[in-house]
């Protein structure tokens, strides 16, 4: 990790090395916390953050879902996110707001435990590697199932739920793959270890519904909008493993991932084993949008300053 200088912690900026919490923090022991992953880019119109209000709204929704009352309003959190980029002199950055329980009573019931908020920003390149955008990624079907929506809240970005994702990611990489696809209840496809998944068959776009355990991703929503603008119909529907491997094209989406083609599953090529044409068109349009090169989508960009 390329450290920056300052982190916003509980209402003020402190030096990166001083942004510490107690080892007795409730979230460290029980995992009840929520976060966002946001990107700032050196776009055509300046340093901008993509769909910032949507990210802030989801942070608050996630916190409410897990009974975390954020002690700041949305305006303060929005300013902290923007300032974390500006004060660290970053033209491009990955931004991580985190809401968590601090030190207080131990036990599953976080009674009288303070809620802390931090916002960090730092330089971070392509999540799946610099070549992933052009070459695509190789994945496996994970032996680990996605946590059932009957067991947690997949619409929220909960800290503890990502233990499930970590198991899938580590296992896939140890087997020589770039990432994993996780199945949910009844063996239907849910998502990647930390990305939403799209399938293209006969010119139509499909993606698993959030009821499978997939996150209602902000990039996912953007891609559905892009597909519509390109004249493509998108359907949210259950997808099984056979349909997955029989796809014409597959691709991952996410704030960190962006849009990346999936070119093989369990060493079986998808179509010709290269990112597909439609995937490429959607990826190109997405990059134009987030880099401020598409005037129809400038309303999704917030200037840092």
C-alpha atoms as a PDB file:
ATOM      1  CA  UNK A   1       0.000   0.000   0.000  1.00  0.00           C
ATOM      2  CA  UNK A   2       1.264   3.447  -0.931  1.00  0.00           C
ATOM      3  CA  UNK A   3       0.539   5.463   2.197  1.00  0.00           C
ATOM      4  CA  UNK A   4      -0.720   9.012   1.972  1.00  0.00           C
ATOM      5  CA  UNK A   5      -0.188  11.637   4.687  1.00  0.00           C
ATOM      6  CA  UNK A   6      -3.536  12.170   6.397  1.00  0.00           C
ATOM      7  CA  UNK A   7      -6.575  10.146   7.454  1.00  0.00           C
ATOM      8  CA  UNK A   8      -9.864  11.622   8.615  1.00  0.00           C
ATOM      9  CA  UNK A   9     -10.730   9.995  11.952  1.00  0.00           C
ATOM     10  CA  UNK A  10     -13.712  10.947  14.082  1.00  0.00           C
ATOM     11  CA  UNK A  11     -14.046  14.478  12.792  1.00  0.00           C
ATOM     12  CA  UNK A  12     -10.472  15.556  12.176  1.00  0.00           C
ATOM     13  CA  UNK A  13      -7.478  14.813   9.999  1.00  0.00           C
ATOM     14  CA  UNK A  14      -4.544  13.113  11.696  1.00  0.00           C
ATOM     15  CA  UNK A  15      -1.240  11.761  10.433  1.00  0.00           C
ATOM     16  CA  UNK A  16      -1.559   8.329   8.821  1.00  0.00           C
ATOM     17  CA  UNK A  17       0.604   6.756  11.567  1.00  0.00           C
ATOM     18  CA  UNK A  18      -1.567   8.317  14.282  1.00  0.00           C
ATOM     19  CA  UNK A  19      -4.892   7.003  12.946  1.00  0.00           C
ATOM     20  CA  UNK A  20      -5.067   4.194  15.507  1.00  0.00           C
ATOM     21  CA  UNK A  21      -7.779   2.450  17.502  1.00  0.00           C
ATOM     22  CA  UNK A  22      -7.698   0.136  20.499  1.00  0.00           C
ATOM     23  CA  UNK A  23      -7.224  -3.615  20.094  1.00  0.00           C
ATOM     24  CA  UNK A  24     -10.326  -3.817  22.288  1.00  0.00           C
ATOM     25  CA  UNK A  25     -12.495  -2.148  19.663  1.00  0.00           C
ATOM     26  CA  UNK A  26     -15.777  -4.025  19.372  1.00  0.00           C
ATOM     27  CA  UNK A  27     -15.608  -4.356  15.566  1.00  0.00           C
ATOM     28  CA  UNK A  28     -12.151  -5.956  15.740  1.00  0.00           C
ATOM     29  CA  UNK A  29     -13.657  -8.730  17.866  1.00  0.00           C
ATOM     30  CA  UNK A  30     -17.083  -9.173  16.277  1.00  0.00           C
ATOM     31  CA  UNK A  31     -16.839  -7.741  12.752  1.00  0.00           C
ATOM     32  CA  UNK A  32     -19.744  -5.286  12.887  1.00  0.00           C
ATOM     33  CA  UNK A  33     -18.642  -2.503  10.595  1.00  0.00           C
ATOM     34  CA  UNK A  34     -19.468  -1.146   7.142  1.00  0.00           C
ATOM     35  CA  UNK A  35     -17.434   0.547   4.452  1.00  0.00           C
ATOM     36  CA  UNK A  36     -17.368   1.948   0.941  1.00  0.00           C
ATOM     37  CA  UNK A  37     -14.870   1.733  -1.893  1.00  0.00           C
ATOM     38  CA  UNK A  38     -14.779   4.950  -3.937  1.00  0.00           C
ATOM     39  CA  UNK A  39     -12.497   6.196  -6.684  1.00  0.00           C
ATOM     40  CA  UNK A  40     -11.231   9.679  -7.475  1.00  0.00           C
ATOM     41  CA  UNK A  41      -9.735  10.196 -10.934  1.00  0.00           C
ATOM     42  CA  UNK A  42      -7.740  12.834 -12.718  1.00  0.00           C
ATOM     43  CA  UNK A  43     -10.544  13.371 -15.220  1.00  0.00           C
ATOM     44  CA  UNK A  44     -10.947  15.682 -18.161  1.00  0.00           C
ATOM     45  CA  UNK A  45     -12.655  18.284 -15.940  1.00  0.00           C
ATOM     46  CA  UNK A  46     -10.308  17.953 -12.949  1.00  0.00           C
ATOM     47  CA  UNK A  47      -9.991  15.555 -10.018  1.00  0.00           C
ATOM     48  CA  UNK A  48     -13.452  14.062  -9.651  1.00  0.00           C
ATOM     49  CA  UNK A  49     -15.209  11.374  -7.640  1.00  0.00           C
ATOM     50  CA  UNK A  50     -17.665   9.111  -9.446  1.00  0.00           C
ATOM     51  CA  UNK A  51     -21.203   8.847  -8.069  1.00  0.00           C
ATOM     52  CA  UNK A  52     -20.181  10.211  -4.678  1.00  0.00           C
ATOM     53  CA  UNK A  53     -23.754  10.814  -3.373  1.00  0.00           C
ATOM     54  CA  UNK A  54     -24.656   7.194  -4.211  1.00  0.00           C
ATOM     55  CA  UNK A  55     -21.665   5.930  -2.244  1.00  0.00           C
ATOM     56  CA  UNK A  56     -22.461   8.134   0.746  1.00  0.00           C
ATOM     57  CA  UNK A  57     -26.109   7.073   0.692  1.00  0.00           C
ATOM     58  CA  UNK A  58     -25.110   3.403   0.608  1.00  0.00           C
ATOM     59  CA  UNK A  59     -22.690   3.926   3.489  1.00  0.00           C
ATOM     60  CA  UNK A  60     -25.526   5.299   5.599  1.00  0.00           C
ATOM     61  CA  UNK A  61     -27.923   2.570   4.454  1.00  0.00           C
ATOM     62  CA  UNK A  62     -25.342  -0.103   5.282  1.00  0.00           C
ATOM     63  CA  UNK A  63     -24.759   1.425   8.705  1.00  0.00           C
ATOM     64  CA  UNK A  64     -28.484   1.457   9.426  1.00  0.00           C
ATOM     65  CA  UNK A  65     -28.787  -2.172   8.312  1.00  0.00           C
ATOM     66  CA  UNK A  66     -26.181  -3.201  10.899  1.00  0.00           C
ATOM     67  CA  UNK A  67     -27.392  -0.903  13.685  1.00  0.00           C
ATOM     68  CA  UNK A  68     -24.512   1.556  13.451  1.00  0.00           C
ATOM     69  CA  UNK A  69     -25.629   5.144  13.988  1.00  0.00           C
ATOM     70  CA  UNK A  70     -23.157   7.403  12.180  1.00  0.00           C
ATOM     71  CA  UNK A  71     -22.477  10.419  14.443  1.00  0.00           C
ATOM     72  CA  UNK A  72     -22.060  12.793  11.472  1.00  0.00           C
ATOM     73  CA  UNK A  73     -24.437  13.878   8.760  1.00  0.00           C
ATOM     74  CA  UNK A  74     -24.002  13.119   5.069  1.00  0.00           C
ATOM     75  CA  UNK A  75     -22.646  16.582   4.323  1.00  0.00           C
ATOM     76  CA  UNK A  76     -19.782  16.155   6.793  1.00  0.00           C
ATOM     77  CA  UNK A  77     -18.919  12.683   5.465  1.00  0.00           C
ATOM     78  CA  UNK A  78     -19.037  13.979   1.886  1.00  0.00           C
ATOM     79  CA  UNK A  79     -16.658  16.813   2.781  1.00  0.00           C
ATOM     80  CA  UNK A  80     -14.328  14.393   4.571  1.00  0.00           C
ATOM     81  CA  UNK A  81     -14.181  12.191   1.465  1.00  0.00           C
ATOM     82  CA  UNK A  82     -13.388  15.107  -0.832  1.00  0.00           C
ATOM     83  CA  UNK A  83     -10.870  16.618   1.588  1.00  0.00           C
ATOM     84  CA  UNK A  84      -9.105  13.270   2.028  1.00  0.00           C
ATOM     85  CA  UNK A  85      -8.170  13.481  -1.651  1.00  0.00           C
ATOM     86  CA  UNK A  86      -7.432  17.211  -1.741  1.00  0.00           C
ATOM     87  CA  UNK A  87      -5.358  17.485   1.458  1.00  0.00           C
ATOM     88  CA  UNK A  88      -3.262  14.473   0.477  1.00  0.00           C
ATOM     89  CA  UNK A  89      -2.511  16.117  -2.887  1.00  0.00           C
ATOM     90  CA  UNK A  90      -3.904  13.140  -4.782  1.00  0.00           C
ATOM     91  CA  UNK A  91      -5.082  13.574  -8.354  1.00  0.00           C
ATOM     92  CA  UNK A  92      -6.286   9.960  -8.452  1.00  0.00           C
ATOM     93  CA  UNK A  93      -7.089   7.821  -5.440  1.00  0.00           C
ATOM     94  CA  UNK A  94      -8.964   4.936  -3.922  1.00  0.00           C
ATOM     95  CA  UNK A  95     -11.044   6.142  -0.975  1.00  0.00           C
ATOM     96  CA  UNK A  96     -12.165   3.976   1.930  1.00  0.00           C
ATOM     97  CA  UNK A  97     -14.751   5.346   4.401  1.00  0.00           C
ATOM     98  CA  UNK A  98     -15.187   2.969   7.342  1.00  0.00           C
ATOM     99  CA  UNK A  99     -17.814   2.950  10.093  1.00  0.00           C
ATOM    100  CA  UNK A 100     -17.141   0.734  13.097  1.00  0.00           C
ATOM    101  CA  UNK A 101     -17.686   0.227  16.810  1.00  0.00           C
ATOM    102  CA  UNK A 102     -14.913   1.460  19.078  1.00  0.00           C
ATOM    103  CA  UNK A 103     -13.923   0.336  22.557  1.00  0.00           C
ATOM    104  CA  UNK A 104     -16.681  -0.243  25.075  1.00  0.00           C
ATOM    105  CA  UNK A 105     -18.664  -3.092  26.558  1.00  0.00           C
ATOM    106  CA  UNK A 106     -17.605  -6.500  25.261  1.00  0.00           C
ATOM    107  CA  UNK A 107     -20.173  -9.051  24.108  1.00  0.00           C
ATOM    108  CA  UNK A 108     -22.390  -9.422  21.077  1.00  0.00           C
ATOM    109  CA  UNK A 109     -24.681  -6.585  22.114  1.00  0.00           C
ATOM    110  CA  UNK A 110     -22.804  -3.327  21.432  1.00  0.00           C
ATOM    111  CA  UNK A 111     -24.441  -1.446  24.298  1.00  0.00           C
ATOM    112  CA  UNK A 112     -23.009   2.021  24.950  1.00  0.00           C
ATOM    113  CA  UNK A 113     -20.204   1.423  22.446  1.00  0.00           C
ATOM    114  CA  UNK A 114     -19.167   4.515  20.445  1.00  0.00           C
ATOM    115  CA  UNK A 115     -19.407   4.504  16.663  1.00  0.00           C
ATOM    116  CA  UNK A 116     -16.223   5.677  14.944  1.00  0.00           C
ATOM    117  CA  UNK A 117     -15.772   6.855  11.354  1.00  0.00           C
ATOM    118  CA  UNK A 118     -12.586   7.063   9.318  1.00  0.00           C
ATOM    119  CA  UNK A 119     -11.860   8.081   5.742  1.00  0.00           C
ATOM    120  CA  UNK A 120      -8.565   7.126   4.085  1.00  0.00           C
ATOM    121  CA  UNK A 121      -7.401   7.838   0.532  1.00  0.00           C
ATOM    122  CA  UNK A 122      -4.326   6.554  -1.254  1.00  0.00           C
ATOM    123  CA  UNK A 123      -2.930   5.714  -4.680  1.00  0.00           C
ATOM    124  CA  UNK A 124      -4.072   2.271  -5.803  1.00  0.00           C
ATOM    125  CA  UNK A 125      -3.847   0.878  -9.309  1.00  0.00           C
ATOM    126  CA  UNK A 126      -5.906  -1.743 -11.100  1.00  0.00           C
ATOM    127  CA  UNK A 127      -7.366  -4.198  -8.586  1.00  0.00           C
ATOM    128  CA  UNK A 128      -6.970  -7.258 -10.820  1.00  0.00           C
ATOM    129  CA  UNK A 129      -3.691  -6.145 -12.357  1.00  0.00           C
ATOM    130  CA  UNK A 130      -2.626  -3.737 -15.080  1.00  0.00           C
ATOM    131  CA  UNK A 131      -3.192  -6.262 -17.884  1.00  0.00           C
ATOM    132  CA  UNK A 132      -6.655  -7.387 -16.798  1.00  0.00           C
ATOM    133  CA  UNK A 133      -8.520  -4.734 -18.786  1.00  0.00           C
ATOM    134  CA  UNK A 134      -7.070  -5.888 -22.095  1.00  0.00           C
ATOM    135  CA  UNK A 135      -6.429  -9.578 -21.462  1.00  0.00           C
ATOM    136  CA  UNK A 136      -9.252 -10.476 -19.089  1.00  0.00           C
ATOM    137  CA  UNK A 137      -8.991 -12.715 -16.041  1.00  0.00           C
ATOM    138  CA  UNK A 138      -9.034 -16.451 -15.413  1.00  0.00           C
ATOM    139  CA  UNK A 139     -11.322 -17.628 -12.637  1.00  0.00           C
ATOM    140  CA  UNK A 140     -12.600 -20.780 -10.962  1.00  0.00           C
ATOM    141  CA  UNK A 141     -15.906 -21.751  -9.411  1.00  0.00           C
ATOM    142  CA  UNK A 142     -15.192 -21.381  -5.723  1.00  0.00           C
ATOM    143  CA  UNK A 143     -15.673 -24.253  -3.308  1.00  0.00           C
ATOM    144  CA  UNK A 144     -16.913 -21.589  -0.894  1.00  0.00           C
ATOM    145  CA  UNK A 145     -20.582 -20.626  -1.210  1.00  0.00           C
ATOM    146  CA  UNK A 146     -21.721 -17.027  -0.955  1.00  0.00           C
ATOM    147  CA  UNK A 147     -23.293 -16.328   2.418  1.00  0.00           C
ATOM    148  CA  UNK A 148     -27.059 -16.712   2.124  1.00  0.00           C
ATOM    149  CA  UNK A 149     -29.210 -13.546   2.239  1.00  0.00           C
ATOM    150  CA  UNK A 150     -31.077 -15.394   4.976  1.00  0.00           C
ATOM    151  CA  UNK A 151     -27.902 -15.186   7.065  1.00  0.00           C
ATOM    152  CA  UNK A 152     -26.734 -11.618   6.422  1.00  0.00           C
ATOM    153  CA  UNK A 153     -27.636  -8.506   4.435  1.00  0.00           C
ATOM    154  CA  UNK A 154     -25.982  -8.596   1.003  1.00  0.00           C
ATOM    155  CA  UNK A 155     -27.258  -5.147   0.047  1.00  0.00           C
ATOM    156  CA  UNK A 156     -24.968  -3.685   2.729  1.00  0.00           C
ATOM    157  CA  UNK A 157     -21.164  -3.619   2.578  1.00  0.00           C
ATOM    158  CA  UNK A 158     -20.565  -5.237   5.939  1.00  0.00           C
ATOM    159  CA  UNK A 159     -16.990  -5.752   7.160  1.00  0.00           C
ATOM    160  CA  UNK A 160     -17.556  -9.224   8.607  1.00  0.00           C
ATOM    161  CA  UNK A 161     -19.195 -10.549   5.446  1.00  0.00           C
ATOM    162  CA  UNK A 162     -15.959 -10.118   3.545  1.00  0.00           C
ATOM    163  CA  UNK A 163     -14.387 -13.012   5.442  1.00  0.00           C
ATOM    164  CA  UNK A 164     -16.448 -15.123   3.044  1.00  0.00           C
ATOM    165  CA  UNK A 165     -14.971 -13.266   0.073  1.00  0.00           C
ATOM    166  CA  UNK A 166     -11.436 -13.610   1.412  1.00  0.00           C
ATOM    167  CA  UNK A 167     -11.772 -17.384   1.651  1.00  0.00           C
ATOM    168  CA  UNK A 168     -12.784 -17.545  -2.015  1.00  0.00           C
ATOM    169  CA  UNK A 169     -10.103 -15.122  -3.229  1.00  0.00           C
ATOM    170  CA  UNK A 170      -7.211 -16.771  -1.353  1.00  0.00           C
ATOM    171  CA  UNK A 171      -8.259 -20.246  -2.458  1.00  0.00           C
ATOM    172  CA  UNK A 172      -8.540 -19.169  -6.113  1.00  0.00           C
ATOM    173  CA  UNK A 173      -5.137 -17.450  -6.196  1.00  0.00           C
ATOM    174  CA  UNK A 174      -3.456 -20.405  -4.470  1.00  0.00           C
ATOM    175  CA  UNK A 175      -4.819 -22.602  -7.270  1.00  0.00           C
ATOM    176  CA  UNK A 176      -3.331 -20.308  -9.922  1.00  0.00           C
ATOM    177  CA  UNK A 177      -6.430 -18.318 -10.884  1.00  0.00           C
ATOM    178  CA  UNK A 178      -6.951 -14.566 -10.785  1.00  0.00           C
ATOM    179  CA  UNK A 179     -10.217 -14.724  -8.892  1.00  0.00           C
ATOM    180  CA  UNK A 180     -13.298 -16.802  -8.136  1.00  0.00           C
ATOM    181  CA  UNK A 181     -16.992 -16.930  -8.924  1.00  0.00           C
ATOM    182  CA  UNK A 182     -19.175 -17.775  -5.949  1.00  0.00           C
ATOM    183  CA  UNK A 183     -22.438 -19.705  -6.058  1.00  0.00           C
ATOM    184  CA  UNK A 184     -25.289 -18.918  -3.722  1.00  0.00           C
ATOM    185  CA  UNK A 185     -28.300 -20.837  -2.451  1.00  0.00           C
ATOM    186  CA  UNK A 186     -29.496 -23.609  -4.807  1.00  0.00           C
ATOM    187  CA  UNK A 187     -26.153 -23.369  -6.670  1.00  0.00           C
ATOM    188  CA  UNK A 188     -27.121 -20.286  -8.641  1.00  0.00           C
ATOM    189  CA  UNK A 189     -24.380 -17.780  -9.484  1.00  0.00           C
ATOM    190  CA  UNK A 190     -24.043 -14.883  -7.052  1.00  0.00           C
ATOM    191  CA  UNK A 191     -20.930 -12.846  -7.882  1.00  0.00           C
ATOM    192  CA  UNK A 192     -17.138 -12.823  -7.847  1.00  0.00           C
ATOM    193  CA  UNK A 193     -15.198 -12.677  -4.608  1.00  0.00           C
ATOM    194  CA  UNK A 194     -15.626  -8.911  -4.579  1.00  0.00           C
ATOM    195  CA  UNK A 195     -17.232  -8.016  -7.904  1.00  0.00           C
ATOM    196  CA  UNK A 196     -20.579  -8.205  -9.618  1.00  0.00           C
ATOM    197  CA  UNK A 197     -20.843 -10.483 -12.650  1.00  0.00           C
ATOM    198  CA  UNK A 198     -22.490 -10.044 -16.047  1.00  0.00           C
ATOM    199  CA  UNK A 199     -23.152 -12.653 -18.737  1.00  0.00           C
ATOM    200  CA  UNK A 200     -23.809 -11.987 -22.425  1.00  0.00           C
ATOM    201  CA  UNK A 201     -25.626 -14.514 -24.579  1.00  0.00           C
ATOM    202  CA  UNK A 202     -26.985 -13.892 -28.077  1.00  0.00           C
ATOM    203  CA  UNK A 203     -26.595 -10.152 -27.676  1.00  0.00           C
ATOM    204  CA  UNK A 204     -28.515  -9.927 -24.392  1.00  0.00           C
ATOM    205  CA  UNK A 205     -27.027  -9.040 -21.016  1.00  0.00           C
ATOM    206  CA  UNK A 206     -27.823 -10.997 -17.847  1.00  0.00           C
ATOM    207  CA  UNK A 207     -26.774 -10.482 -14.222  1.00  0.00           C
ATOM    208  CA  UNK A 208     -27.681 -12.284 -10.983  1.00  0.00           C
ATOM    209  CA  UNK A 209     -30.274 -10.545  -8.801  1.00  0.00           C
ATOM    210  CA  UNK A 210     -29.203  -9.351  -5.357  1.00  0.00           C
ATOM    211  CA  UNK A 211     -31.384 -12.075  -3.842  1.00  0.00           C
ATOM    212  CA  UNK A 212     -28.557 -14.499  -4.690  1.00  0.00           C
ATOM    213  CA  UNK A 213     -26.290 -12.698  -2.237  1.00  0.00           C
ATOM    214  CA  UNK A 214     -24.812 -10.338  -4.827  1.00  0.00           C
ATOM    215  CA  UNK A 215     -24.128  -6.766  -3.767  1.00  0.00           C
ATOM    216  CA  UNK A 216     -26.269  -4.083  -5.367  1.00  0.00           C
ATOM    217  CA  UNK A 217     -23.132  -2.503  -6.805  1.00  0.00           C
ATOM    218  CA  UNK A 218     -22.920   1.094  -7.945  1.00  0.00           C
ATOM    219  CA  UNK A 219     -20.775   0.109 -10.926  1.00  0.00           C
ATOM    220  CA  UNK A 220     -23.328  -2.624 -11.605  1.00  0.00           C
ATOM    221  CA  UNK A 221     -26.068   0.011 -11.837  1.00  0.00           C
ATOM    222  CA  UNK A 222     -23.910   2.134 -14.111  1.00  0.00           C
ATOM    223  CA  UNK A 223     -23.219  -0.785 -16.445  1.00  0.00           C
ATOM    224  CA  UNK A 224     -26.916  -1.575 -16.726  1.00  0.00           C
ATOM    225  CA  UNK A 225     -27.461   2.054 -17.748  1.00  0.00           C
ATOM    226  CA  UNK A 226     -24.582   1.895 -20.238  1.00  0.00           C
ATOM    227  CA  UNK A 227     -25.951  -1.313 -21.750  1.00  0.00           C
ATOM    228  CA  UNK A 228     -29.327   0.358 -22.241  1.00  0.00           C
ATOM    229  CA  UNK A 229     -27.676   3.320 -23.965  1.00  0.00           C
ATOM    230  CA  UNK A 230     -25.914   0.877 -26.290  1.00  0.00           C
ATOM    231  CA  UNK A 231     -29.269  -0.661 -27.195  1.00  0.00           C
ATOM    232  CA  UNK A 232     -28.764  -3.793 -25.088  1.00  0.00           C
ATOM    233  CA  UNK A 233     -31.430  -5.331 -22.895  1.00  0.00           C
ATOM    234  CA  UNK A 234     -30.360  -6.388 -19.392  1.00  0.00           C
ATOM    235  CA  UNK A 235     -32.227  -8.993 -17.373  1.00  0.00           C
ATOM    236  CA  UNK A 236     -31.678  -9.826 -13.710  1.00  0.00           C
ATOM    237  CA  UNK A 237     -32.120 -13.574 -13.514  1.00  0.00           C
ATOM    238  CA  UNK A 238     -30.737 -16.681 -11.861  1.00  0.00           C
ATOM    239  CA  UNK A 239     -27.758 -18.158 -13.727  1.00  0.00           C
ATOM    240  CA  UNK A 240     -26.421 -21.680 -13.223  1.00  0.00           C
ATOM    241  CA  UNK A 241     -22.898 -22.979 -13.745  1.00  0.00           C
ATOM    242  CA  UNK A 242     -23.722 -24.550 -17.130  1.00  0.00           C
ATOM    243  CA  UNK A 243     -25.122 -21.273 -18.475  1.00  0.00           C
ATOM    244  CA  UNK A 244     -22.073 -19.477 -17.136  1.00  0.00           C
ATOM    245  CA  UNK A 245     -19.626 -21.649 -19.058  1.00  0.00           C
ATOM    246  CA  UNK A 246     -21.787 -21.514 -22.193  1.00  0.00           C
ATOM    247  CA  UNK A 247     -21.786 -17.694 -22.254  1.00  0.00           C
ATOM    248  CA  UNK A 248     -20.673 -15.701 -25.274  1.00  0.00           C
ATOM    249  CA  UNK A 249     -19.006 -13.222 -22.921  1.00  0.00           C
ATOM    250  CA  UNK A 250     -18.565 -12.701 -19.182  1.00  0.00           C
ATOM    251  CA  UNK A 251     -17.279  -9.729 -17.253  1.00  0.00           C
ATOM    252  CA  UNK A 252     -16.779  -8.477 -13.702  1.00  0.00           C
ATOM    253  CA  UNK A 253     -17.715  -4.995 -12.479  1.00  0.00           C
ATOM    254  CA  UNK A 254     -16.841  -3.005  -9.383  1.00  0.00           C
ATOM    255  CA  UNK A 255     -15.399   0.301  -8.225  1.00  0.00           C
ATOM    256  CA  UNK A 256     -11.945  -1.209  -7.743  1.00  0.00           C
ATOM    257  CA  UNK A 257     -12.311  -3.713 -10.609  1.00  0.00           C
ATOM    258  CA  UNK A 258     -13.998  -1.316 -13.083  1.00  0.00           C
ATOM    259  CA  UNK A 259     -15.086  -3.509 -16.071  1.00  0.00           C
ATOM    260  CA  UNK A 260     -12.940  -6.576 -16.738  1.00  0.00           C
ATOM    261  CA  UNK A 261     -13.641  -9.553 -19.003  1.00  0.00           C
ATOM    262  CA  UNK A 262     -13.665 -13.106 -17.623  1.00  0.00           C
ATOM    263  CA  UNK A 263     -12.001 -15.280 -20.269  1.00  0.00           C
ATOM    264  CA  UNK A 264     -12.017 -18.738 -18.679  1.00  0.00           C
ATOM    265  CA  UNK A 265     -13.636 -20.705 -15.868  1.00  0.00           C
ATOM    266  CA  UNK A 266     -11.898 -23.734 -14.377  1.00  0.00           C
ATOM    267  CA  UNK A 267      -9.448 -23.594 -17.311  1.00  0.00           C
ATOM    268  CA  UNK A 268     -12.322 -23.787 -19.812  1.00  0.00           C
ATOM    269  CA  UNK A 269     -12.299 -20.851 -22.242  1.00  0.00           C
ATOM    270  CA  UNK A 270     -15.329 -18.621 -22.554  1.00  0.00           C
ATOM    271  CA  UNK A 271     -15.936 -18.422 -26.330  1.00  0.00           C
ATOM    272  CA  UNK A 272     -12.513 -17.713 -27.867  1.00  0.00           C
ATOM    273  CA  UNK A 273     -10.780 -17.107 -24.528  1.00  0.00           C
ATOM    274  CA  UNK A 274     -10.530 -13.335 -25.005  1.00  0.00           C
ATOM    275  CA  UNK A 275     -12.608 -10.394 -23.704  1.00  0.00           C
ATOM    276  CA  UNK A 276     -15.637 -10.038 -25.971  1.00  0.00           C
ATOM    277  CA  UNK A 277     -16.650  -7.166 -28.222  1.00  0.00           C
ATOM    278  CA  UNK A 278     -19.661  -6.130 -26.140  1.00  0.00           C
ATOM    279  CA  UNK A 279     -17.575  -6.276 -22.974  1.00  0.00           C
ATOM    280  CA  UNK A 280     -15.030  -4.031 -24.676  1.00  0.00           C
ATOM    281  CA  UNK A 281     -17.691  -1.555 -25.736  1.00  0.00           C
ATOM    282  CA  UNK A 282     -19.146  -1.378 -22.231  1.00  0.00           C
ATOM    283  CA  UNK A 283     -15.684  -1.043 -20.688  1.00  0.00           C
ATOM    284  CA  UNK A 284     -14.747   1.753 -23.088  1.00  0.00           C
ATOM    285  CA  UNK A 285     -17.965   3.634 -22.390  1.00  0.00           C
ATOM    286  CA  UNK A 286     -17.495   3.210 -18.636  1.00  0.00           C
ATOM    287  CA  UNK A 287     -13.956   4.605 -18.786  1.00  0.00           C
ATOM    288  CA  UNK A 288     -15.146   7.551 -20.859  1.00  0.00           C
ATOM    289  CA  UNK A 289     -17.818   8.298 -18.259  1.00  0.00           C
ATOM    290  CA  UNK A 290     -15.610   8.087 -15.154  1.00  0.00           C
ATOM    291  CA  UNK A 291     -12.888  10.137 -16.861  1.00  0.00           C
ATOM    292  CA  UNK A 292     -15.250  12.981 -17.715  1.00  0.00           C
ATOM    293  CA  UNK A 293     -15.210  12.356 -21.464  1.00  0.00           C
ATOM    294  CA  UNK A 294     -18.961  11.846 -21.879  1.00  0.00           C
ATOM    295  CA  UNK A 295     -21.053  14.983 -21.416  1.00  0.00           C
ATOM    296  CA  UNK A 296     -24.255  12.980 -20.894  1.00  0.00           C
ATOM    297  CA  UNK A 297     -22.851  11.547 -17.646  1.00  0.00           C
ATOM    298  CA  UNK A 298     -21.043  14.537 -16.140  1.00  0.00           C
ATOM    299  CA  UNK A 299     -23.741  14.720 -13.465  1.00  0.00           C
ATOM    300  CA  UNK A 300     -22.213  11.588 -11.933  1.00  0.00           C
ATOM    301  CA  UNK A 301     -18.913  13.374 -11.281  1.00  0.00           C
ATOM    302  CA  UNK A 302     -18.195  15.487  -8.198  1.00  0.00           C
ATOM    303  CA  UNK A 303     -15.219  17.821  -8.320  1.00  0.00           C
ATOM    304  CA  UNK A 304     -12.913  17.450  -5.332  1.00  0.00           C
ATOM    305  CA  UNK A 305     -12.298  21.199  -5.357  1.00  0.00           C
END
